C-alpha atoms as a PDB file:
ATOM      1  CA  MET A   1      -2.308  90.153  98.069  1.00  0.00           C
ATOM      2  CA  GLN A   2       0.785  90.176 100.251  1.00  0.00           C
ATOM      3  CA  SER A   3       0.467  86.444 100.873  1.00  0.00           C
ATOM      4  CA  LEU A   4       0.447  85.859  97.081  1.00  0.00           C
ATOM      5  CA  ASP A   5       3.589  87.978  96.726  1.00  0.00           C
ATOM      6  CA  GLN A   6       5.247  86.019  99.533  1.00  0.00           C
ATOM      7  CA  ARG A   7       4.154  82.752  97.945  1.00  0.00           C
ATOM      8  CA  LEU A   8       5.670  83.891  94.606  1.00  0.00           C
ATOM      9  CA  ILE A   9       8.967  84.773  96.326  1.00  0.00           C
ATOM     10  CA  ASP A  10       9.018  81.425  98.124  1.00  0.00           C
ATOM     11  CA  LEU A  11       8.369  79.523  94.886  1.00  0.00           C
ATOM     12  CA  LYS A  12      11.062  81.506  93.090  1.00  0.00           C
ATOM     13  CA  ASN A  13      13.579  80.743  95.857  1.00  0.00           C
ATOM     14  CA  SER A  14      12.585  77.091  95.872  1.00  0.00           C
ATOM     15  CA  PHE A  15      13.028  76.919  92.102  1.00  0.00           C
ATOM     16  CA  GLU A  16      16.452  78.574  92.309  1.00  0.00           C
ATOM     17  CA  GLU A  17      17.556  76.131  95.000  1.00  0.00           C
ATOM     18  CA  THR A  18      16.360  73.192  92.932  1.00  0.00           C
ATOM     19  CA  VAL A  19      18.085  74.392  89.777  1.00  0.00           C
ATOM     20  CA  THR A  20      21.350  75.318  91.482  1.00  0.00           C
ATOM     21  CA  GLY A  21      21.586  72.310  93.766  1.00  0.00           C
ATOM     22  CA  ARG A  22      20.621  74.269  96.899  1.00  0.00           C
ATOM     23  CA  GLN A  23      23.352  76.864  96.372  1.00  0.00           C
ATOM     24  CA  GLY A  24      21.212  79.820  95.399  1.00  0.00           C
ATOM     25  CA  LEU A  25      21.927  82.266  92.615  1.00  0.00           C
ATOM     26  CA  ALA A  26      23.921  84.586  94.864  1.00  0.00           C
ATOM     27  CA  THR A  27      26.472  81.837  95.517  1.00  0.00           C
ATOM     28  CA  LEU A  28      26.776  81.034  91.833  1.00  0.00           C
ATOM     29  CA  ALA A  29      27.235  84.709  90.964  1.00  0.00           C
ATOM     30  CA  GLU A  30      30.360  84.921  93.132  1.00  0.00           C
ATOM     31  CA  LYS A  31      33.685  85.006  91.343  1.00  0.00           C
ATOM     32  CA  PRO A  32      35.118  81.485  91.105  1.00  0.00           C
ATOM     33  CA  GLU A  33      38.429  80.668  92.732  1.00  0.00           C
ATOM     34  CA  GLU A  34      41.574  80.996  90.683  1.00  0.00           C
ATOM     35  CA  LYS A  35      42.407  77.618  89.256  1.00  0.00           C
ATOM     36  CA  ALA A  36      45.891  76.310  88.733  1.00  0.00           C
ATOM     37  CA  PRO A  37      47.065  76.548  85.126  1.00  0.00           C
ATOM     38  CA  PHE A  38      46.172  73.580  82.951  1.00  0.00           C
ATOM     39  CA  ASN A  39      48.967  71.030  83.038  1.00  0.00           C
ATOM     40  CA  TRP A  40      48.972  69.193  79.695  1.00  0.00           C
ATOM     41  CA  LYS A  41      51.667  66.767  80.753  1.00  0.00           C
ATOM     42  CA  LYS A  42      49.802  65.697  83.891  1.00  0.00           C
ATOM     43  CA  GLU A  43      46.481  65.371  82.063  1.00  0.00           C
ATOM     44  CA  LEU A  44      48.055  63.366  79.259  1.00  0.00           C
ATOM     45  CA  GLU A  45      49.805  61.062  81.714  1.00  0.00           C
ATOM     46  CA  GLU A  46      46.520  60.456  83.552  1.00  0.00           C
ATOM     47  CA  ILE A  47      44.912  59.406  80.280  1.00  0.00           C
ATOM     48  CA  VAL A  48      47.771  57.459  78.719  1.00  0.00           C
ATOM     49  CA  HIS A  49      49.093  55.655  81.803  1.00  0.00           C
ATOM     50  CA  PRO A  50      46.074  53.324  82.231  1.00  0.00           C
ATOM     51  CA  LEU A  51      46.036  52.665  78.482  1.00  0.00           C
ATOM     52  CA  MET A  52      49.704  51.724  78.491  1.00  0.00           C
ATOM     53  CA  ASP A  53      49.210  49.466  81.514  1.00  0.00           C
ATOM     54  CA  ASP A  54      46.350  47.685  79.743  1.00  0.00           C
ATOM     55  CA  LEU A  55      48.358  47.358  76.547  1.00  0.00           C
ATOM     56  CA  LYS A  56      51.318  45.973  78.452  1.00  0.00           C
ATOM     57  CA  GLN A  57      49.079  43.460  80.201  1.00  0.00           C
ATOM     58  CA  LEU A  58      47.457  42.410  76.905  1.00  0.00           C
ATOM     59  CA  THR A  59      50.788  41.865  75.204  1.00  0.00           C
ATOM     60  CA  GLU A  60      52.511  40.166  78.144  1.00  0.00           C
ATOM     61  CA  ARG A  61      51.720  36.602  77.071  1.00  0.00           C
ATOM     62  CA  PRO A  62      52.758  37.063  73.407  1.00  0.00           C
ATOM     63  CA  ARG A  63      55.976  38.769  74.519  1.00  0.00           C
ATOM     64  CA  LYS A  64      56.700  35.911  76.928  1.00  0.00           C
ATOM     65  CA  MET A  65      56.020  33.360  74.170  1.00  0.00           C
ATOM     66  CA  GLU A  66      58.415  35.181  71.837  1.00  0.00           C
ATOM     67  CA  GLN A  67      61.065  35.278  74.552  1.00  0.00           C
ATOM     68  CA  LEU A  68      60.681  31.546  75.156  1.00  0.00           C
ATOM     69  CA  LYS A  69      60.896  30.791  71.410  1.00  0.00           C
ATOM     70  CA  ASN A  70      64.082  32.819  71.176  1.00  0.00           C
ATOM     71  CA  GLU A  71      65.523  31.018  74.168  1.00  0.00           C
ATOM     72  CA  GLN A  72      64.589  27.658  72.653  1.00  0.00           C
ATOM     73  CA  MET A  73      66.249  28.572  69.345  1.00  0.00           C
ATOM     74  CA  LEU A  74      69.387  29.656  71.180  1.00  0.00           C
ATOM     75  CA  GLN A  75      69.503  26.405  73.158  1.00  0.00           C
ATOM     76  CA  GLU A  76      68.961  24.366  69.992  1.00  0.00           C
ATOM     77  CA  ASP A  77      71.815  26.236  68.307  1.00  0.00           C
ATOM     78  CA  HIS A  78      74.059  25.497  71.290  1.00  0.00           C
ATOM     79  CA  LEU A  79      73.041  21.869  71.170  1.00  0.00           C
ATOM     80  CA  LEU A  80      73.802  21.706  67.443  1.00  0.00           C
ATOM     81  CA  VAL A  81      77.241  23.241  68.007  1.00  0.00           C
ATOM     82  CA  LEU A  82      77.943  20.782  70.809  1.00  0.00           C
ATOM     83  CA  ASP A  83      76.778  17.833  68.677  1.00  0.00           C
ATOM     84  CA  ASN A  84      79.036  18.953  65.819  1.00  0.00           C
ATOM     85  CA  ASN A  85      82.016  19.269  68.134  1.00  0.00           C
ATOM     86  CA  ILE A  86      81.469  15.860  69.638  1.00  0.00           C
ATOM     87  CA  TYR A  87      81.272  13.988  66.323  1.00  0.00           C
END
């Protein structure tokens, strides 16, 4: 009878270790460490920063194209002014 009781205890302990990732229920019952207060700004920056980097990368080519078009228009205007002053 005692061997059955020991077997039951061993199975219970084995089950607890399996369920708790080998920590045991006693370890899980301990009071958790005090955590630092939740920092909304830091969390938001961690989420938004990669999104903004991706957005910036996606829009880089269109922004460059717009910049080049504006530069071309400016140069054409200068050329037109120069042509008008020459003739």
